[in-house]
């Protein structure tokens, strides 16, 4: 299993995009919610493309064989 270190902005943008609508806009119990895609801004789209390019091997990315290896790298002073 390989672990890829992607830009934090990619994860943050993806996570923020998946957050549910505010409570005031939530449908009543027993009804179906609308699942429309929110538009992404240019910075978010660029972060998605950067992550995809890393996964395709078009951009350099650090690769780790374990979580411990990744955490050790993050803790190092380089």
PDB file of N, CA and C in Angstrom:
ATOM      1  N   UNK A   1       0.843  -1.179   0.000  1.00  0.00           N
ATOM      2  CA  UNK A   1       0.000   0.000   0.000  1.00  0.00           C
ATOM      3  C   UNK A   1       0.883   1.234   0.000  1.00  0.00           C
ATOM      4  N   UNK A   2       0.641   2.137  -0.913  1.00  0.00           N
ATOM      5  CA  UNK A   2       1.410   3.374  -0.974  1.00  0.00           C
ATOM      6  C   UNK A   2       0.563   4.520  -0.437  1.00  0.00           C
ATOM      7  N   UNK A   3       1.206   5.457   0.247  1.00  0.00           N
ATOM      8  CA  UNK A   3       0.551   6.649   0.757  1.00  0.00           C
ATOM      9  C   UNK A   3       1.140   7.840   0.000  1.00  0.00           C
ATOM     10  N   UNK A   4       0.297   8.663  -0.552  1.00  0.00           N
ATOM     11  CA  UNK A   4       0.745   9.831  -1.314  1.00  0.00           C
ATOM     12  C   UNK A   4       0.520  11.085  -0.491  1.00  0.00           C
ATOM     13  N   UNK A   5       1.520  11.953  -0.473  1.00  0.00           N
ATOM     14  CA  UNK A   5       1.408  13.212   0.240  1.00  0.00           C
ATOM     15  C   UNK A   5       0.954  14.269  -0.760  1.00  0.00           C
ATOM     16  N   UNK A   6      -0.307  14.646  -0.699  1.00  0.00           N
ATOM     17  CA  UNK A   6      -0.871  15.641  -1.601  1.00  0.00           C
ATOM     18  C   UNK A   6      -0.921  16.991  -0.902  1.00  0.00           C
ATOM     19  N   UNK A   7      -1.014  18.064  -1.662  1.00  0.00           N
ATOM     20  CA  UNK A   7      -1.080  19.391  -1.040  1.00  0.00           C
ATOM     21  C   UNK A   7      -2.266  19.485  -0.083  1.00  0.00           C
ATOM     22  N   UNK A   8      -2.045  20.144   1.057  1.00  0.00           N
ATOM     23  CA  UNK A   8      -3.124  20.287   2.037  1.00  0.00           C
ATOM     24  C   UNK A   8      -4.317  20.991   1.418  1.00  0.00           C
ATOM     25  N   UNK A   9      -4.071  21.955   0.524  1.00  0.00           N
ATOM     26  CA  UNK A   9      -5.166  22.710  -0.073  1.00  0.00           C
ATOM     27  C   UNK A   9      -6.125  21.779  -0.811  1.00  0.00           C
ATOM     28  N   UNK A  10      -5.603  20.694  -1.389  1.00  0.00           N
ATOM     29  CA  UNK A  10      -6.455  19.745  -2.098  1.00  0.00           C
ATOM     30  C   UNK A  10      -7.427  19.086  -1.125  1.00  0.00           C
ATOM     31  N   UNK A  11      -6.902  18.631   0.015  1.00  0.00           N
ATOM     32  CA  UNK A  11      -7.757  17.986   1.000  1.00  0.00           C
ATOM     33  C   UNK A  11      -8.743  18.967   1.609  1.00  0.00           C
ATOM     34  N   UNK A  12      -8.263  20.174   1.934  1.00  0.00           N
ATOM     35  CA  UNK A  12      -9.139  21.179   2.539  1.00  0.00           C
ATOM     36  C   UNK A  12     -10.260  21.555   1.583  1.00  0.00           C
ATOM     37  N   UNK A  13      -9.930  21.788   0.335  1.00  0.00           N
ATOM     38  CA  UNK A  13     -10.947  22.163  -0.647  1.00  0.00           C
ATOM     39  C   UNK A  13     -11.959  21.042  -0.839  1.00  0.00           C
ATOM     40  N   UNK A  14     -11.460  19.819  -0.931  1.00  0.00           N
ATOM     41  CA  UNK A  14     -12.355  18.676  -1.126  1.00  0.00           C
ATOM     42  C   UNK A  14     -13.279  18.516   0.079  1.00  0.00           C
ATOM     43  N   UNK A  15     -12.720  18.621   1.279  1.00  0.00           N
ATOM     44  CA  UNK A  15     -13.514  18.462   2.494  1.00  0.00           C
ATOM     45  C   UNK A  15     -14.562  19.557   2.607  1.00  0.00           C
ATOM     46  N   UNK A  16     -14.168  20.805   2.366  1.00  0.00           N
ATOM     47  CA  UNK A  16     -15.118  21.904   2.444  1.00  0.00           C
ATOM     48  C   UNK A  16     -16.234  21.753   1.420  1.00  0.00           C
ATOM     49  N   UNK A  17     -15.909  21.210   0.271  1.00  0.00           N
ATOM     50  CA  UNK A  17     -16.913  21.017  -0.766  1.00  0.00           C
ATOM     51  C   UNK A  17     -17.931  19.951  -0.382  1.00  0.00           C
ATOM     52  N   UNK A  18     -17.547  19.026   0.515  1.00  0.00           N
ATOM     53  CA  UNK A  18     -18.431  17.933   0.890  1.00  0.00           C
ATOM     54  C   UNK A  18     -19.265  18.219   2.138  1.00  0.00           C
ATOM     55  N   UNK A  19     -19.055  19.378   2.757  1.00  0.00           N
ATOM     56  CA  UNK A  19     -19.799  19.707   3.986  1.00  0.00           C
ATOM     57  C   UNK A  19     -21.269  19.918   3.639  1.00  0.00           C
ATOM     58  N   UNK A  20     -22.142  19.435   4.487  1.00  0.00           N
ATOM     59  CA  UNK A  20     -23.589  19.553   4.248  1.00  0.00           C
ATOM     60  C   UNK A  20     -24.046  21.007   4.329  1.00  0.00           C
ATOM     61  N   UNK A  21     -25.203  21.272   3.778  1.00  0.00           N
ATOM     62  CA  UNK A  21     -25.770  22.618   3.815  1.00  0.00           C
ATOM     63  C   UNK A  21     -26.121  22.979   5.243  1.00  0.00           C
ATOM     64  N   UNK A  22     -26.205  24.278   5.552  1.00  0.00           N
ATOM     65  CA  UNK A  22     -26.552  24.698   6.920  1.00  0.00           C
ATOM     66  C   UNK A  22     -27.894  24.120   7.355  1.00  0.00           C
ATOM     67  N   UNK A  23     -28.087  23.998   8.655  1.00  0.00           N
ATOM     68  CA  UNK A  23     -29.292  23.394   9.220  1.00  0.00           C
ATOM     69  C   UNK A  23     -30.560  24.057   8.703  1.00  0.00           C
ATOM     70  N   UNK A  24     -30.549  25.379   8.542  1.00  0.00           N
ATOM     71  CA  UNK A  24     -31.739  26.089   8.087  1.00  0.00           C
ATOM     72  C   UNK A  24     -32.168  25.636   6.694  1.00  0.00           C
ATOM     73  N   UNK A  25     -31.248  25.119   5.913  1.00  0.00           N
ATOM     74  CA  UNK A  25     -31.554  24.695   4.555  1.00  0.00           C
ATOM     75  C   UNK A  25     -31.745  23.188   4.433  1.00  0.00           C
ATOM     76  N   UNK A  26     -31.650  22.479   5.536  1.00  0.00           N
ATOM     77  CA  UNK A  26     -31.796  21.027   5.490  1.00  0.00           C
ATOM     78  C   UNK A  26     -33.261  20.677   5.229  1.00  0.00           C
ATOM     79  N   UNK A  27     -33.509  19.649   4.434  1.00  0.00           N
ATOM     80  CA  UNK A  27     -34.895  19.257   4.167  1.00  0.00           C
ATOM     81  C   UNK A  27     -35.544  18.667   5.412  1.00  0.00           C
ATOM     82  N   UNK A  28     -36.847  18.698   5.451  1.00  0.00           N
ATOM     83  CA  UNK A  28     -37.590  18.139   6.581  1.00  0.00           C
ATOM     84  C   UNK A  28     -37.367  16.627   6.638  1.00  0.00           C
ATOM     85  N   UNK A  29     -37.518  16.058   7.803  1.00  0.00           N
ATOM     86  CA  UNK A  29     -37.337  14.618   7.983  1.00  0.00           C
ATOM     87  C   UNK A  29     -38.269  13.856   7.057  1.00  0.00           C
ATOM     88  N   UNK A  30     -37.741  12.823   6.423  1.00  0.00           N
ATOM     89  CA  UNK A  30     -38.550  11.999   5.545  1.00  0.00           C
ATOM     90  C   UNK A  30     -38.605  12.484   4.110  1.00  0.00           C
ATOM     91  N   UNK A  31     -37.985  13.629   3.807  1.00  0.00           N
ATOM     92  CA  UNK A  31     -37.951  14.120   2.433  1.00  0.00           C
ATOM     93  C   UNK A  31     -36.577  13.868   1.846  1.00  0.00           C
ATOM     94  N   UNK A  32     -36.466  13.984   0.541  1.00  0.00           N
ATOM     95  CA  UNK A  32     -35.206  13.734  -0.150  1.00  0.00           C
ATOM     96  C   UNK A  32     -34.450  15.045  -0.341  1.00  0.00           C
ATOM     97  N   UNK A  33     -33.171  15.038  -0.015  1.00  0.00           N
ATOM     98  CA  UNK A  33     -32.329  16.225  -0.180  1.00  0.00           C
ATOM     99  C   UNK A  33     -31.852  16.314  -1.625  1.00  0.00           C
ATOM    100  N   UNK A  34     -31.683  17.529  -2.100  1.00  0.00           N
ATOM    101  CA  UNK A  34     -31.119  17.755  -3.429  1.00  0.00           C
ATOM    102  C   UNK A  34     -29.604  17.675  -3.313  1.00  0.00           C
ATOM    103  N   UNK A  35     -28.954  16.961  -4.225  1.00  0.00           N
ATOM    104  CA  UNK A  35     -27.505  16.801  -4.194  1.00  0.00           C
ATOM    105  C   UNK A  35     -26.898  17.518  -5.391  1.00  0.00           C
ATOM    106  N   UNK A  36     -26.878  18.812  -5.359  1.00  0.00           N
ATOM    107  CA  UNK A  36     -26.289  19.551  -6.470  1.00  0.00           C
ATOM    108  C   UNK A  36     -24.812  19.822  -6.188  1.00  0.00           C
ATOM    109  N   UNK A  37     -24.030  19.858  -7.232  1.00  0.00           N
ATOM    110  CA  UNK A  37     -22.589  20.108  -7.113  1.00  0.00           C
ATOM    111  C   UNK A  37     -22.348  21.604  -6.991  1.00  0.00           C
ATOM    112  N   UNK A  38     -21.650  21.994  -5.939  1.00  0.00           N
ATOM    113  CA  UNK A  38     -21.288  23.397  -5.785  1.00  0.00           C
ATOM    114  C   UNK A  38     -20.143  23.716  -6.741  1.00  0.00           C
ATOM    115  N   UNK A  39     -20.128  24.921  -7.319  1.00  0.00           N
ATOM    116  CA  UNK A  39     -19.034  25.269  -8.232  1.00  0.00           C
ATOM    117  C   UNK A  39     -17.730  25.488  -7.448  1.00  0.00           C
ATOM    118  N   UNK A  40     -16.625  25.037  -8.013  1.00  0.00           N
ATOM    119  CA  UNK A  40     -15.317  25.231  -7.389  1.00  0.00           C
ATOM    120  C   UNK A  40     -14.656  26.456  -8.000  1.00  0.00           C
ATOM    121  N   UNK A  41     -13.887  27.189  -7.188  1.00  0.00           N
ATOM    122  CA  UNK A  41     -13.167  28.336  -7.733  1.00  0.00           C
ATOM    123  C   UNK A  41     -11.891  27.852  -8.427  1.00  0.00           C
ATOM    124  N   UNK A  42     -11.217  28.775  -9.101  1.00  0.00           N
ATOM    125  CA  UNK A  42     -10.040  28.423  -9.902  1.00  0.00           C
ATOM    126  C   UNK A  42      -8.922  27.816  -9.045  1.00  0.00           C
ATOM    127  N   UNK A  43      -8.729  28.335  -7.832  1.00  0.00           N
ATOM    128  CA  UNK A  43      -7.672  27.816  -6.956  1.00  0.00           C
ATOM    129  C   UNK A  43      -7.951  26.365  -6.560  1.00  0.00           C
ATOM    130  N   UNK A  44      -9.204  26.065  -6.268  1.00  0.00           N
ATOM    131  CA  UNK A  44      -9.581  24.708  -5.903  1.00  0.00           C
ATOM    132  C   UNK A  44      -9.394  23.753  -7.077  1.00  0.00           C
ATOM    133  N   UNK A  45      -9.833  24.173  -8.261  1.00  0.00           N
ATOM    134  CA  UNK A  45      -9.661  23.343  -9.453  1.00  0.00           C
ATOM    135  C   UNK A  45      -8.182  23.090  -9.740  1.00  0.00           C
ATOM    136  N   UNK A  46      -7.344  24.118  -9.520  1.00  0.00           N
ATOM    137  CA  UNK A  46      -5.902  23.950  -9.725  1.00  0.00           C
ATOM    138  C   UNK A  46      -5.325  22.956  -8.717  1.00  0.00           C
ATOM    139  N   UNK A  47      -5.803  22.992  -7.466  1.00  0.00           N
ATOM    140  CA  UNK A  47      -5.329  22.053  -6.442  1.00  0.00           C
ATOM    141  C   UNK A  47      -5.740  20.625  -6.795  1.00  0.00           C
ATOM    142  N   UNK A  48      -6.967  20.446  -7.283  1.00  0.00           N
ATOM    143  CA  UNK A  48      -7.410  19.119  -7.720  1.00  0.00           C
ATOM    144  C   UNK A  48      -6.525  18.611  -8.850  1.00  0.00           C
ATOM    145  N   UNK A  49      -6.245  19.470  -9.820  1.00  0.00           N
ATOM    146  CA  UNK A  49      -5.423  19.066 -10.967  1.00  0.00           C
ATOM    147  C   UNK A  49      -4.000  18.733 -10.526  1.00  0.00           C
ATOM    148  N   UNK A  50      -3.456  19.511  -9.578  1.00  0.00           N
ATOM    149  CA  UNK A  50      -2.110  19.232  -9.067  1.00  0.00           C
ATOM    150  C   UNK A  50      -2.060  17.858  -8.396  1.00  0.00           C
ATOM    151  N   UNK A  51      -3.055  17.550  -7.582  1.00  0.00           N
ATOM    152  CA  UNK A  51      -3.112  16.238  -6.934  1.00  0.00           C
ATOM    153  C   UNK A  51      -3.241  15.116  -7.948  1.00  0.00           C
ATOM    154  N   UNK A  52      -4.090  15.320  -8.951  1.00  0.00           N
ATOM    155  CA  UNK A  52      -4.246  14.304 -10.001  1.00  0.00           C
ATOM    156  C   UNK A  52      -2.946  14.103 -10.782  1.00  0.00           C
ATOM    157  N   UNK A  53      -2.242  15.208 -11.077  1.00  0.00           N
ATOM    158  CA  UNK A  53      -0.969  15.113 -11.804  1.00  0.00           C
ATOM    159  C   UNK A  53       0.066  14.351 -10.982  1.00  0.00           C
ATOM    160  N   UNK A  54       0.060  14.541  -9.663  1.00  0.00           N
ATOM    161  CA  UNK A  54       0.976  13.790  -8.798  1.00  0.00           C
ATOM    162  C   UNK A  54       0.653  12.306  -8.846  1.00  0.00           C
ATOM    163  N   UNK A  55      -0.632  11.986  -8.800  1.00  0.00           N
ATOM    164  CA  UNK A  55      -1.034  10.578  -8.839  1.00  0.00           C
ATOM    165  C   UNK A  55      -0.701   9.932 -10.178  1.00  0.00           C
ATOM    166  N   UNK A  56      -0.730  10.704 -11.262  1.00  0.00           N
ATOM    167  CA  UNK A  56      -0.381  10.182 -12.584  1.00  0.00           C
ATOM    168  C   UNK A  56       1.129  10.114 -12.784  1.00  0.00           C
ATOM    169  N   UNK A  57       1.910  10.691 -11.867  1.00  0.00           N
ATOM    170  CA  UNK A  57       3.367  10.681 -11.984  1.00  0.00           C
ATOM    171  C   UNK A  57       3.923  11.811 -12.831  1.00  0.00           C
ATOM    172  N   UNK A  58       3.099  12.790 -13.165  1.00  0.00           N
ATOM    173  CA  UNK A  58       3.545  13.921 -13.983  1.00  0.00           C
ATOM    174  C   UNK A  58       4.258  14.984 -13.153  1.00  0.00           C
ATOM    175  N   UNK A  59       4.007  15.031 -11.862  1.00  0.00           N
ATOM    176  CA  UNK A  59       4.671  15.942 -10.937  1.00  0.00           C
ATOM    177  C   UNK A  59       5.324  15.112  -9.838  1.00  0.00           C
ATOM    178  N   UNK A  60       6.471  15.574  -9.329  1.00  0.00           N
ATOM    179  CA  UNK A  60       7.110  14.802  -8.259  1.00  0.00           C
ATOM    180  C   UNK A  60       6.268  14.834  -6.982  1.00  0.00           C
ATOM    181  N   UNK A  61       6.238  13.726  -6.294  1.00  0.00           N
ATOM    182  CA  UNK A  61       5.511  13.626  -5.033  1.00  0.00           C
ATOM    183  C   UNK A  61       6.235  12.634  -4.143  1.00  0.00           C
ATOM    184  N   UNK A  62       6.243  12.916  -2.862  1.00  0.00           N
ATOM    185  CA  UNK A  62       6.845  11.966  -1.931  1.00  0.00           C
ATOM    186  C   UNK A  62       5.905  10.778  -1.800  1.00  0.00           C
ATOM    187  N   UNK A  63       6.484   9.599  -1.719  1.00  0.00           N
ATOM    188  CA  UNK A  63       5.706   8.376  -1.569  1.00  0.00           C
ATOM    189  C   UNK A  63       6.215   7.611  -0.351  1.00  0.00           C
ATOM    190  N   UNK A  64       5.296   7.028   0.363  1.00  0.00           N
ATOM    191  CA  UNK A  64       5.637   6.320   1.583  1.00  0.00           C
ATOM    192  C   UNK A  64       4.994   4.946   1.571  1.00  0.00           C
ATOM    193  N   UNK A  65       5.659   3.988   2.197  1.00  0.00           N
ATOM    194  CA  UNK A  65       5.136   2.623   2.285  1.00  0.00           C
ATOM    195  C   UNK A  65       4.357   2.378   3.571  1.00  0.00           C
ATOM    196  N   UNK A  66       4.406   3.329   4.502  1.00  0.00           N
ATOM    197  CA  UNK A  66       3.654   3.161   5.744  1.00  0.00           C
ATOM    198  C   UNK A  66       3.342   4.532   6.334  1.00  0.00           C
ATOM    199  N   UNK A  67       2.370   4.553   7.221  1.00  0.00           N
ATOM    200  CA  UNK A  67       2.015   5.780   7.915  1.00  0.00           C
ATOM    201  C   UNK A  67       3.179   6.236   8.798  1.00  0.00           C
ATOM    202  N   UNK A  68       3.842   5.296   9.460  1.00  0.00           N
ATOM    203  CA  UNK A  68       4.977   5.649  10.316  1.00  0.00           C
ATOM    204  C   UNK A  68       6.076   6.346   9.517  1.00  0.00           C
ATOM    205  N   UNK A  69       6.339   5.845   8.314  1.00  0.00           N
ATOM    206  CA  UNK A  69       7.349   6.451   7.443  1.00  0.00           C
ATOM    207  C   UNK A  69       6.956   7.884   7.078  1.00  0.00           C
ATOM    208  N   UNK A  70       5.677   8.104   6.773  1.00  0.00           N
ATOM    209  CA  UNK A  70       5.210   9.441   6.426  1.00  0.00           C
ATOM    210  C   UNK A  70       5.309  10.387   7.625  1.00  0.00           C
ATOM    211  N   UNK A  71       4.898   9.912   8.792  1.00  0.00           N
ATOM    212  CA  UNK A  71       4.953  10.757   9.987  1.00  0.00           C
ATOM    213  C   UNK A  71       6.394  11.086  10.365  1.00  0.00           C
ATOM    214  N   UNK A  72       7.308  10.156  10.194  1.00  0.00           N
ATOM    215  CA  UNK A  72       8.726  10.422  10.458  1.00  0.00           C
ATOM    216  C   UNK A  72       9.241  11.511   9.527  1.00  0.00           C
ATOM    217  N   UNK A  73       8.851  11.450   8.278  1.00  0.00           N
ATOM    218  CA  UNK A  73       9.255  12.468   7.314  1.00  0.00           C
ATOM    219  C   UNK A  73       8.687  13.837   7.688  1.00  0.00           C
ATOM    220  N   UNK A  74       7.436  13.867   8.118  1.00  0.00           N
ATOM    221  CA  UNK A  74       6.813  15.130   8.514  1.00  0.00           C
ATOM    222  C   UNK A  74       7.490  15.724   9.743  1.00  0.00           C
ATOM    223  N   UNK A  75       7.967  14.853  10.643  1.00  0.00           N
ATOM    224  CA  UNK A  75       8.627  15.308  11.879  1.00  0.00           C
ATOM    225  C   UNK A  75      10.081  15.730  11.651  1.00  0.00           C
ATOM    226  N   UNK A  76      10.668  15.347  10.516  1.00  0.00           N
ATOM    227  CA  UNK A  76      12.074  15.688  10.271  1.00  0.00           C
ATOM    228  C   UNK A  76      12.225  17.192  10.034  1.00  0.00           C
ATOM    229  N   UNK A  77      13.439  17.685  10.185  1.00  0.00           N
ATOM    230  CA  UNK A  77      13.707  19.123  10.113  1.00  0.00           C
ATOM    231  C   UNK A  77      14.098  19.604   8.722  1.00  0.00           C
ATOM    232  N   UNK A  78      13.929  18.821   7.663  1.00  0.00           N
ATOM    233  CA  UNK A  78      14.346  19.276   6.334  1.00  0.00           C
ATOM    234  C   UNK A  78      13.285  20.027   5.620  1.00  0.00           C
TER     235      UNK A  78
END
